[in-house]
PDB file of all heavy atoms in Angstrom:
ATOM      1  N   VAL A   1      29.351  -9.290 -36.136  1.00  0.00           N
ATOM      2  CA  VAL A   1      28.736  -9.627 -37.413  1.00  0.00           C
ATOM      3  C   VAL A   1      29.781  -9.415 -38.489  1.00  0.00           C
ATOM      4  O   VAL A   1      30.322  -8.317 -38.637  1.00  0.00           O
ATOM      5  CB  VAL A   1      27.478  -8.752 -37.680  1.00  0.00           C
ATOM      6  CG1 VAL A   1      26.871  -9.093 -39.028  1.00  0.00           C
ATOM      7  CG2 VAL A   1      26.445  -8.941 -36.570  1.00  0.00           C
ATOM      8  N   GLY A   2      30.074 -10.468 -39.242  1.00  0.00           N
ATOM      9  CA  GLY A   2      31.111 -10.415 -40.265  1.00  0.00           C
ATOM     10  C   GLY A   2      30.702  -9.602 -41.488  1.00  0.00           C
ATOM     11  O   GLY A   2      29.515  -9.354 -41.734  1.00  0.00           O
ATOM     12  N   ASP A   3      31.699  -9.222 -42.264  1.00  0.00           N
ATOM     13  CA  ASP A   3      31.474  -8.470 -43.493  1.00  0.00           C
ATOM     14  C   ASP A   3      30.551  -9.232 -44.425  1.00  0.00           C
ATOM     15  O   ASP A   3      30.684 -10.445 -44.612  1.00  0.00           O
ATOM     16  CB  ASP A   3      32.791  -8.225 -44.223  1.00  0.00           C
ATOM     17  CG  ASP A   3      33.679  -7.220 -43.504  1.00  0.00           C
ATOM     18  OD1 ASP A   3      33.170  -6.462 -42.651  1.00  0.00           O
ATOM     19  OD2 ASP A   3      34.887  -7.195 -43.802  1.00  0.00           O
ATOM     20  N   GLY A   4      29.618  -8.515 -45.010  1.00  0.00           N
ATOM     21  CA  GLY A   4      28.723  -9.093 -46.002  1.00  0.00           C
ATOM     22  C   GLY A   4      27.647 -10.000 -45.443  1.00  0.00           C
ATOM     23  O   GLY A   4      26.900 -10.619 -46.205  1.00  0.00           O
ATOM     24  N   ALA A   5      27.535 -10.103 -44.114  1.00  0.00           N
ATOM     25  CA  ALA A   5      26.480 -10.939 -43.530  1.00  0.00           C
ATOM     26  C   ALA A   5      25.120 -10.292 -43.796  1.00  0.00           C
ATOM     27  O   ALA A   5      25.004  -9.066 -43.874  1.00  0.00           O
ATOM     28  CB  ALA A   5      26.697 -11.116 -42.031  1.00  0.00           C
ATOM     29  N   ILE A   6      24.109 -11.120 -43.927  1.00  0.00           N
ATOM     30  CA  ILE A   6      22.752 -10.644 -44.183  1.00  0.00           C
ATOM     31  C   ILE A   6      21.858 -11.132 -43.040  1.00  0.00           C
ATOM     32  O   ILE A   6      21.786 -12.335 -42.786  1.00  0.00           O
ATOM     33  CB  ILE A   6      22.221 -11.179 -45.520  1.00  0.00           C
ATOM     34  CG1 ILE A   6      23.099 -10.669 -46.667  1.00  0.00           C
ATOM     35  CG2 ILE A   6      20.754 -10.786 -45.718  1.00  0.00           C
ATOM     36  CD1 ILE A   6      22.801 -11.331 -48.012  1.00  0.00           C
ATOM     37  N   ILE A   7      21.205 -10.192 -42.370  1.00  0.00           N
ATOM     38  CA  ILE A   7      20.249 -10.517 -41.297  1.00  0.00           C
ATOM     39  C   ILE A   7      18.899 -10.056 -41.795  1.00  0.00           C
ATOM     40  O   ILE A   7      18.656  -8.858 -41.959  1.00  0.00           O
ATOM     41  CB  ILE A   7      20.606  -9.787 -39.976  1.00  0.00           C
ATOM     42  CG1 ILE A   7      22.096  -9.910 -39.624  1.00  0.00           C
ATOM     43  CG2 ILE A   7      19.697 -10.276 -38.846  1.00  0.00           C
ATOM     44  CD1 ILE A   7      22.572 -11.281 -39.304  1.00  0.00           C
ATOM     45  N   ILE A   8      18.015 -10.998 -42.082  1.00  0.00           N
ATOM     46  CA  ILE A   8      16.735 -10.691 -42.726  1.00  0.00           C
ATOM     47  C   ILE A   8      15.699 -10.268 -41.681  1.00  0.00           C
ATOM     48  O   ILE A   8      15.835 -10.539 -40.497  1.00  0.00           O
ATOM     49  CB  ILE A   8      16.287 -11.911 -43.573  1.00  0.00           C
ATOM     50  CG1 ILE A   8      17.361 -12.187 -44.639  1.00  0.00           C
ATOM     51  CG2 ILE A   8      14.927 -11.684 -44.216  1.00  0.00           C
ATOM     52  CD1 ILE A   8      17.146 -13.438 -45.450  1.00  0.00           C
ATOM     53  N   ASN A   9      14.635  -9.626 -42.127  1.00  0.00           N
ATOM     54  CA  ASN A   9      13.607  -9.013 -41.287  1.00  0.00           C
ATOM     55  C   ASN A   9      13.195  -9.860 -40.091  1.00  0.00           C
ATOM     56  O   ASN A   9      12.944 -11.054 -40.209  1.00  0.00           O
ATOM     57  CB  ASN A   9      12.350  -8.728 -42.113  1.00  0.00           C
ATOM     58  CG  ASN A   9      12.592  -7.728 -43.202  1.00  0.00           C
ATOM     59  OD1 ASN A   9      13.617  -7.051 -43.227  1.00  0.00           O
ATOM     60  ND2 ASN A   9      11.650  -7.633 -44.120  1.00  0.00           N
ATOM     61  N   TYR A  10      13.111  -9.185 -38.961  1.00  0.00           N
ATOM     62  CA  TYR A  10      12.588  -9.716 -37.698  1.00  0.00           C
ATOM     63  C   TYR A  10      13.435 -10.850 -37.110  1.00  0.00           C
ATOM     64  O   TYR A  10      12.965 -11.557 -36.233  1.00  0.00           O
ATOM     65  CB  TYR A  10      11.135 -10.156 -37.842  1.00  0.00           C
ATOM     66  CG  TYR A  10      10.236  -9.032 -38.303  1.00  0.00           C
ATOM     67  CD1 TYR A  10       9.672  -9.064 -39.578  1.00  0.00           C
ATOM     68  CD2 TYR A  10       9.998  -7.918 -37.509  1.00  0.00           C
ATOM     69  CE1 TYR A  10       8.881  -8.016 -40.037  1.00  0.00           C
ATOM     70  CE2 TYR A  10       9.214  -6.888 -37.948  1.00  0.00           C
ATOM     71  CZ  TYR A  10       8.654  -6.944 -39.212  1.00  0.00           C
ATOM     72  OH  TYR A  10       7.872  -5.908 -39.649  1.00  0.00           O
ATOM     73  N   ALA A  11      14.660 -11.016 -37.555  1.00  0.00           N
ATOM     74  CA  ALA A  11      15.553 -11.992 -36.927  1.00  0.00           C
ATOM     75  C   ALA A  11      15.979 -11.407 -35.578  1.00  0.00           C
ATOM     76  O   ALA A  11      16.149 -10.199 -35.433  1.00  0.00           O
ATOM     77  CB  ALA A  11      16.767 -12.273 -37.796  1.00  0.00           C
ATOM     78  N   GLY A  12      16.158 -12.286 -34.601  1.00  0.00           N
ATOM     79  CA  GLY A  12      16.616 -11.872 -33.282  1.00  0.00           C
ATOM     80  C   GLY A  12      17.929 -12.548 -32.951  1.00  0.00           C
ATOM     81  O   GLY A  12      17.986 -13.766 -32.799  1.00  0.00           O
ATOM     82  N   ILE A  13      18.991 -11.769 -32.884  1.00  0.00           N
ATOM     83  CA  ILE A  13      20.307 -12.279 -32.543  1.00  0.00           C
ATOM     84  C   ILE A  13      20.572 -11.856 -31.093  1.00  0.00           C
ATOM     85  O   ILE A  13      20.709 -10.672 -30.809  1.00  0.00           O
ATOM     86  CB  ILE A  13      21.411 -11.692 -33.468  1.00  0.00           C
ATOM     87  CG1 ILE A  13      21.019 -11.757 -34.948  1.00  0.00           C
ATOM     88  CG2 ILE A  13      22.755 -12.366 -33.190  1.00  0.00           C
ATOM     89  CD1 ILE A  13      20.838 -13.131 -35.508  1.00  0.00           C
ATOM     90  N   THR A  14      20.620 -12.824 -30.180  1.00  0.00           N
ATOM     91  CA  THR A  14      20.767 -12.498 -28.765  1.00  0.00           C
ATOM     92  C   THR A  14      22.242 -12.236 -28.429  1.00  0.00           C
ATOM     93  O   THR A  14      23.111 -12.344 -29.282  1.00  0.00           O
ATOM     94  CB  THR A  14      20.193 -13.620 -27.895  1.00  0.00           C
ATOM     95  OG1 THR A  14      20.881 -14.840 -28.223  1.00  0.00           O
ATOM     96  CG2 THR A  14      18.700 -13.784 -28.124  1.00  0.00           C
ATOM     97  N   GLY A  15      22.521 -11.945 -27.172  1.00  0.00           N
ATOM     98  CA  GLY A  15      23.838 -11.500 -26.759  1.00  0.00           C
ATOM     99  C   GLY A  15      24.975 -12.486 -27.002  1.00  0.00           C
ATOM    100  O   GLY A  15      24.800 -13.691 -26.955  1.00  0.00           O
ATOM    101  N   HIS A  16      26.133 -11.908 -27.258  1.00  0.00           N
ATOM    102  CA  HIS A  16      27.392 -12.642 -27.385  1.00  0.00           C
ATOM    103  C   HIS A  16      27.438 -13.597 -28.568  1.00  0.00           C
ATOM    104  O   HIS A  16      28.211 -14.559 -28.556  1.00  0.00           O
ATOM    105  CB  HIS A  16      27.714 -13.395 -26.095  1.00  0.00           C
ATOM    106  CG  HIS A  16      27.743 -12.529 -24.889  1.00  0.00           C
ATOM    107  ND1 HIS A  16      28.847 -11.772 -24.560  1.00  0.00           N
ATOM    108  CD2 HIS A  16      26.800 -12.272 -23.940  1.00  0.00           C
ATOM    109  CE1 HIS A  16      28.579 -11.091 -23.447  1.00  0.00           C
ATOM    110  NE2 HIS A  16      27.348 -11.385 -23.052  1.00  0.00           N
ATOM    111  N   CYS A  17      26.636 -13.386 -29.585  1.00  0.00           N
ATOM    112  CA  CYS A  17      26.639 -14.258 -30.764  1.00  0.00           C
ATOM    113  C   CYS A  17      27.696 -13.783 -31.760  1.00  0.00           C
ATOM    114  O   CYS A  17      28.090 -12.616 -31.764  1.00  0.00           O
ATOM    115  CB  CYS A  17      25.269 -14.264 -31.440  1.00  0.00           C
ATOM    116  SG  CYS A  17      24.009 -15.100 -30.467  1.00  0.00           S
ATOM    117  N   GLU A  18      28.107 -14.702 -32.612  1.00  0.00           N
ATOM    118  CA  GLU A  18      29.029 -14.394 -33.696  1.00  0.00           C
ATOM    119  C   GLU A  18      28.389 -14.837 -35.005  1.00  0.00           C
ATOM    120  O   GLU A  18      27.980 -15.989 -35.135  1.00  0.00           O
ATOM    121  CB  GLU A  18      30.358 -15.134 -33.522  1.00  0.00           C
ATOM    122  CG  GLU A  18      31.120 -14.765 -32.294  1.00  0.00           C
ATOM    123  CD  GLU A  18      32.363 -15.618 -32.103  1.00  0.00           C
ATOM    124  OE1 GLU A  18      32.895 -16.149 -33.109  1.00  0.00           O
ATOM    125  OE2 GLU A  18      32.796 -15.751 -30.962  1.00  0.00           O
ATOM    126  N   ILE A  19      28.280 -13.896 -35.940  1.00  0.00           N
ATOM    127  CA  ILE A  19      27.763 -14.201 -37.268  1.00  0.00           C
ATOM    128  C   ILE A  19      28.927 -14.015 -38.238  1.00  0.00           C
ATOM    129  O   ILE A  19      29.488 -12.936 -38.340  1.00  0.00           O
ATOM    130  CB  ILE A  19      26.589 -13.271 -37.645  1.00  0.00           C
ATOM    131  CG1 ILE A  19      25.530 -13.204 -36.549  1.00  0.00           C
ATOM    132  CG2 ILE A  19      25.999 -13.684 -38.999  1.00  0.00           C
ATOM    133  CD1 ILE A  19      24.840 -14.507 -36.239  1.00  0.00           C
ATOM    134  N   GLY A  20      29.289 -15.087 -38.950  1.00  0.00           N
ATOM    135  CA  GLY A  20      30.461 -15.050 -39.811  1.00  0.00           C
ATOM    136  C   GLY A  20      30.248 -14.253 -41.083  1.00  0.00           C
ATOM    137  O   GLY A  20      29.123 -13.888 -41.454  1.00  0.00           O
ATOM    138  N   GLU A  21      31.344 -13.994 -41.785  1.00  0.00           N
ATOM    139  CA  GLU A  21      31.288 -13.246 -43.031  1.00  0.00           C
ATOM    140  C   GLU A  21      30.398 -13.957 -44.049  1.00  0.00           C
ATOM    141  O   GLU A  21      30.389 -15.185 -44.143  1.00  0.00           O
ATOM    142  CB  GLU A  21      32.696 -13.030 -43.598  1.00  0.00           C
ATOM    143  CG  GLU A  21      33.322 -14.311 -44.123  1.00  0.00           C
ATOM    144  CD  GLU A  21      34.736 -14.123 -44.597  1.00  0.00           C
ATOM    145  OE1 GLU A  21      35.628 -14.050 -43.746  1.00  0.00           O
ATOM    146  OE2 GLU A  21      34.925 -14.076 -45.831  1.00  0.00           O
ATOM    147  N   ARG A  22      29.609 -13.152 -44.742  1.00  0.00           N
ATOM    148  CA  ARG A  22      28.716 -13.600 -45.807  1.00  0.00           C
ATOM    149  C   ARG A  22      27.730 -14.694 -45.378  1.00  0.00           C
ATOM    150  O   ARG A  22      27.195 -15.422 -46.205  1.00  0.00           O
ATOM    151  CB  ARG A  22      29.500 -14.022 -47.037  1.00  0.00           C
ATOM    152  CG  ARG A  22      30.226 -12.814 -47.645  1.00  0.00           C
ATOM    153  CD  ARG A  22      30.860 -13.062 -48.958  1.00  0.00           C
ATOM    154  NE  ARG A  22      29.828 -13.233 -49.987  1.00  0.00           N
ATOM    155  CZ  ARG A  22      30.098 -13.275 -51.282  1.00  0.00           C
ATOM    156  NH1 ARG A  22      31.338 -13.141 -51.699  1.00  0.00           N
ATOM    157  NH2 ARG A  22      29.132 -13.439 -52.159  1.00  0.00           N
ATOM    158  N   ALA A  23      27.493 -14.801 -44.060  1.00  0.00           N
ATOM    159  CA  ALA A  23      26.455 -15.703 -43.570  1.00  0.00           C
ATOM    160  C   ALA A  23      25.105 -15.014 -43.754  1.00  0.00           C
ATOM    161  O   ALA A  23      25.014 -13.785 -43.807  1.00  0.00           O
ATOM    162  CB  ALA A  23      26.673 -16.029 -42.092  1.00  0.00           C
ATOM    163  N   THR A  24      24.042 -15.813 -43.850  1.00  0.00           N
ATOM    164  CA  THR A  24      22.687 -15.284 -43.965  1.00  0.00           C
ATOM    165  C   THR A  24      21.844 -15.868 -42.836  1.00  0.00           C
ATOM    166  O   THR A  24      21.848 -17.097 -42.634  1.00  0.00           O
ATOM    167  CB  THR A  24      22.049 -15.655 -45.314  1.00  0.00           C
ATOM    168  OG1 THR A  24      22.836 -15.094 -46.358  1.00  0.00           O
ATOM    169  CG2 THR A  24      20.625 -15.131 -45.415  1.00  0.00           C
ATOM    170  N   VAL A  25      21.125 -14.998 -42.118  1.00  0.00           N
ATOM    171  CA  VAL A  25      20.196 -15.442 -41.087  1.00  0.00           C
ATOM    172  C   VAL A  25      18.808 -15.047 -41.564  1.00  0.00           C
ATOM    173  O   VAL A  25      18.509 -13.867 -41.747  1.00  0.00           O
ATOM    174  CB  VAL A  25      20.519 -14.802 -39.722  1.00  0.00           C
ATOM    175  CG1 VAL A  25      19.491 -15.226 -38.675  1.00  0.00           C
ATOM    176  CG2 VAL A  25      21.929 -15.173 -39.278  1.00  0.00           C
ATOM    177  N   GLY A  26      17.943 -16.045 -41.792  1.00  0.00           N
ATOM    178  CA  GLY A  26      16.617 -15.823 -42.351  1.00  0.00           C
ATOM    179  C   GLY A  26      15.691 -15.057 -41.420  1.00  0.00           C
ATOM    180  O   GLY A  26      15.908 -14.982 -40.207  1.00  0.00           O
ATOM    181  N   GLY A  27      14.638 -14.525 -42.005  1.00  0.00           N
ATOM    182  CA  GLY A  27      13.647 -13.754 -41.274  1.00  0.00           C
ATOM    183  C   GLY A  27      12.951 -14.570 -40.210  1.00  0.00           C
ATOM    184  O   GLY A  27      12.783 -15.790 -40.331  1.00  0.00           O
ATOM    185  N   LEU A  28      12.569 -13.894 -39.138  1.00  0.00           N
ATOM    186  CA  LEU A  28      11.855 -14.484 -38.007  1.00  0.00           C
ATOM    187  C   LEU A  28      12.644 -15.605 -37.332  1.00  0.00           C
ATOM    188  O   LEU A  28      12.075 -16.484 -36.695  1.00  0.00           O
ATOM    189  CB  LEU A  28      10.480 -15.000 -38.437  1.00  0.00           C
ATOM    190  CG  LEU A  28       9.510 -13.930 -38.942  1.00  0.00           C
ATOM    191  CD1 LEU A  28       8.312 -14.571 -39.610  1.00  0.00           C
ATOM    192  CD2 LEU A  28       9.083 -13.028 -37.808  1.00  0.00           C
ATOM    193  N   THR A  29      13.964 -15.575 -37.468  1.00  0.00           N
ATOM    194  CA  THR A  29      14.828 -16.579 -36.851  1.00  0.00           C
ATOM    195  C   THR A  29      15.328 -16.064 -35.513  1.00  0.00           C
ATOM    196  O   THR A  29      15.627 -14.878 -35.374  1.00  0.00           O
ATOM    197  CB  THR A  29      16.002 -16.893 -37.788  1.00  0.00           C
ATOM    198  OG1 THR A  29      15.511 -17.595 -38.913  1.00  0.00           O
ATOM    199  CG2 THR A  29      17.065 -17.735 -37.106  1.00  0.00           C
ATOM    200  N   GLY A  30      15.419 -16.963 -34.544  1.00  0.00           N
ATOM    201  CA  GLY A  30      15.992 -16.633 -33.251  1.00  0.00           C
ATOM    202  C   GLY A  30      17.307 -17.362 -33.063  1.00  0.00           C
ATOM    203  O   GLY A  30      17.400 -18.560 -33.337  1.00  0.00           O
ATOM    204  N   VAL A  31      18.315 -16.648 -32.610  1.00  0.00           N
ATOM    205  CA  VAL A  31      19.630 -17.230 -32.344  1.00  0.00           C
ATOM    206  C   VAL A  31      19.907 -17.062 -30.859  1.00  0.00           C
ATOM    207  O   VAL A  31      19.940 -15.943 -30.341  1.00  0.00           O
ATOM    208  CB  VAL A  31      20.724 -16.552 -33.198  1.00  0.00           C
ATOM    209  CG1 VAL A  31      22.082 -17.192 -32.948  1.00  0.00           C
ATOM    210  CG2 VAL A  31      20.376 -16.621 -34.693  1.00  0.00           C
ATOM    211  N   LEU A  32      20.101 -18.176 -30.141  1.00  0.00           N
ATOM    212  CA  LEU A  32      20.313 -18.156 -28.706  1.00  0.00           C
ATOM    213  C   LEU A  32      21.666 -17.560 -28.324  1.00  0.00           C
ATOM    214  O   LEU A  32      22.586 -17.566 -29.133  1.00  0.00           O
ATOM    215  CB  LEU A  32      20.189 -19.576 -28.146  1.00  0.00           C
ATOM    216  CG  LEU A  32      18.765 -19.997 -27.776  1.00  0.00           C
ATOM    217  CD1 LEU A  32      17.838 -20.025 -28.954  1.00  0.00           C
ATOM    218  CD2 LEU A  32      18.785 -21.324 -27.070  1.00  0.00           C
ATOM    219  N   PRO A  33      21.812 -17.080 -27.079  1.00  0.00           N
ATOM    220  CA  PRO A  33      23.050 -16.449 -26.648  1.00  0.00           C
ATOM    221  C   PRO A  33      24.272 -17.346 -26.820  1.00  0.00           C
ATOM    222  O   PRO A  33      24.183 -18.570 -26.679  1.00  0.00           O
ATOM    223  CB  PRO A  33      22.821 -16.162 -25.166  1.00  0.00           C
ATOM    224  CG  PRO A  33      21.344 -16.102 -25.009  1.00  0.00           C
ATOM    225  CD  PRO A  33      20.798 -17.080 -26.017  1.00  0.00           C
ATOM    226  N   PHE A  34      25.399 -16.722 -27.114  1.00  0.00           N
ATOM    227  CA  PHE A  34      26.716 -17.363 -27.248  1.00  0.00           C
ATOM    228  C   PHE A  34      26.804 -18.348 -28.424  1.00  0.00           C
ATOM    229  O   PHE A  34      27.687 -19.182 -28.466  1.00  0.00           O
ATOM    230  CB  PHE A  34      27.115 -18.075 -25.944  1.00  0.00           C
ATOM    231  CG  PHE A  34      27.263 -17.132 -24.788  1.00  0.00           C
ATOM    232  CD1 PHE A  34      26.229 -16.942 -23.890  1.00  0.00           C
ATOM    233  CD2 PHE A  34      28.443 -16.429 -24.616  1.00  0.00           C
ATOM    234  CE1 PHE A  34      26.362 -16.063 -22.818  1.00  0.00           C
ATOM    235  CE2 PHE A  34      28.589 -15.550 -23.542  1.00  0.00           C
ATOM    236  CZ  PHE A  34      27.542 -15.379 -22.645  1.00  0.00           C
ATOM    237  N   THR A  35      25.894 -18.252 -29.366  1.00  0.00           N
ATOM    238  CA  THR A  35      25.882 -19.148 -30.510  1.00  0.00           C
ATOM    239  C   THR A  35      26.671 -18.513 -31.654  1.00  0.00           C
ATOM    240  O   THR A  35      26.674 -17.305 -31.837  1.00  0.00           O
ATOM    241  CB  THR A  35      24.430 -19.439 -30.954  1.00  0.00           C
ATOM    242  OG1 THR A  35      23.724 -19.976 -29.839  1.00  0.00           O
ATOM    243  CG2 THR A  35      24.372 -20.413 -32.095  1.00  0.00           C
ATOM    244  N   ARG A  36      27.318 -19.375 -32.443  1.00  0.00           N
ATOM    245  CA  ARG A  36      28.077 -18.916 -33.606  1.00  0.00           C
ATOM    246  C   ARG A  36      27.426 -19.432 -34.886  1.00  0.00           C
ATOM    247  O   ARG A  36      27.017 -20.583 -34.960  1.00  0.00           O
ATOM    248  CB  ARG A  36      29.523 -19.433 -33.562  1.00  0.00           C
ATOM    249  CG  ARG A  36      30.292 -18.991 -32.338  1.00  0.00           C
ATOM    250  CD  ARG A  36      31.706 -19.548 -32.318  1.00  0.00           C
ATOM    251  NE  ARG A  36      31.689 -20.998 -32.409  1.00  0.00           N
ATOM    252  CZ  ARG A  36      32.702 -21.730 -32.905  1.00  0.00           C
ATOM    253  NH1 ARG A  36      33.783 -21.159 -33.376  1.00  0.00           N
ATOM    254  NH2 ARG A  36      32.619 -23.040 -32.943  1.00  0.00           N
ATOM    255  N   VAL A  37      27.364 -18.564 -35.877  1.00  0.00           N
ATOM    256  CA  VAL A  37      26.924 -18.943 -37.224  1.00  0.00           C
ATOM    257  C   VAL A  37      28.152 -18.725 -38.102  1.00  0.00           C
ATOM    258  O   VAL A  37      28.633 -17.604 -38.241  1.00  0.00           O
ATOM    259  CB  VAL A  37      25.731 -18.097 -37.711  1.00  0.00           C
ATOM    260  CG1 VAL A  37      25.373 -18.438 -39.146  1.00  0.00           C
ATOM    261  CG2 VAL A  37      24.531 -18.284 -36.785  1.00  0.00           C
ATOM    262  N   GLY A  38      28.674 -19.795 -38.669  1.00  0.00           N
ATOM    263  CA  GLY A  38      29.919 -19.740 -39.424  1.00  0.00           C
ATOM    264  C   GLY A  38      29.803 -18.980 -40.752  1.00  0.00           C
ATOM    265  O   GLY A  38      28.712 -18.716 -41.255  1.00  0.00           O
ATOM    266  N   ALA A  39      30.947 -18.668 -41.304  1.00  0.00           N
ATOM    267  CA  ALA A  39      31.031 -17.956 -42.576  1.00  0.00           C
ATOM    268  C   ALA A  39      30.309 -18.726 -43.677  1.00  0.00           C
ATOM    269  O   ALA A  39      30.355 -19.953 -43.717  1.00  0.00           O
ATOM    270  CB  ALA A  39      32.509 -17.762 -42.951  1.00  0.00           C
ATOM    271  N   TYR A  40      29.619 -18.009 -44.519  1.00  0.00           N
ATOM    272  CA  TYR A  40      28.922 -18.539 -45.695  1.00  0.00           C
ATOM    273  C   TYR A  40      27.797 -19.514 -45.335  1.00  0.00           C
ATOM    274  O   TYR A  40      27.272 -20.179 -46.216  1.00  0.00           O
ATOM    275  CB  TYR A  40      29.896 -19.205 -46.678  1.00  0.00           C
ATOM    276  CG  TYR A  40      30.918 -18.243 -47.224  1.00  0.00           C
ATOM    277  CD1 TYR A  40      32.126 -18.043 -46.576  1.00  0.00           C
ATOM    278  CD2 TYR A  40      30.677 -17.514 -48.383  1.00  0.00           C
ATOM    279  CE1 TYR A  40      33.062 -17.152 -47.061  1.00  0.00           C
ATOM    280  CE2 TYR A  40      31.607 -16.629 -48.873  1.00  0.00           C
ATOM    281  CZ  TYR A  40      32.798 -16.444 -48.202  1.00  0.00           C
ATOM    282  OH  TYR A  40      33.722 -15.558 -48.702  1.00  0.00           O
ATOM    283  N   ALA A  41      27.444 -19.599 -44.069  1.00  0.00           N
ATOM    284  CA  ALA A  41      26.320 -20.459 -43.671  1.00  0.00           C
ATOM    285  C   ALA A  41      25.017 -19.769 -44.063  1.00  0.00           C
ATOM    286  O   ALA A  41      24.946 -18.543 -44.195  1.00  0.00           O
ATOM    287  CB  ALA A  41      26.356 -20.736 -42.173  1.00  0.00           C
ATOM    288  N   TYR A  42      23.968 -20.570 -44.215  1.00  0.00           N
ATOM    289  CA  TYR A  42      22.642 -20.038 -44.521  1.00  0.00           C
ATOM    290  C   TYR A  42      21.661 -20.633 -43.516  1.00  0.00           C
ATOM    291  O   TYR A  42      21.521 -21.868 -43.448  1.00  0.00           O
ATOM    292  CB  TYR A  42      22.222 -20.414 -45.950  1.00  0.00           C
ATOM    293  CG  TYR A  42      20.921 -19.779 -46.349  1.00  0.00           C
ATOM    294  CD1 TYR A  42      20.895 -18.590 -47.050  1.00  0.00           C
ATOM    295  CD2 TYR A  42      19.703 -20.368 -46.010  1.00  0.00           C
ATOM    296  CE1 TYR A  42      19.707 -17.990 -47.410  1.00  0.00           C
ATOM    297  CE2 TYR A  42      18.497 -19.768 -46.357  1.00  0.00           C
ATOM    298  CZ  TYR A  42      18.522 -18.587 -47.052  1.00  0.00           C
ATOM    299  OH  TYR A  42      17.338 -17.980 -47.413  1.00  0.00           O
TER     300      TYR A  42
END
């Protein structure tokens, strides 16, 4: 999980994921294994 990333309530980040710097993952969101969320993404 990159610096400044925001993971909102009840989000589920599964194994081997990459969350970029200052990315935001909204509440109740599911991220499948080995998935990447790039920097500054929302």
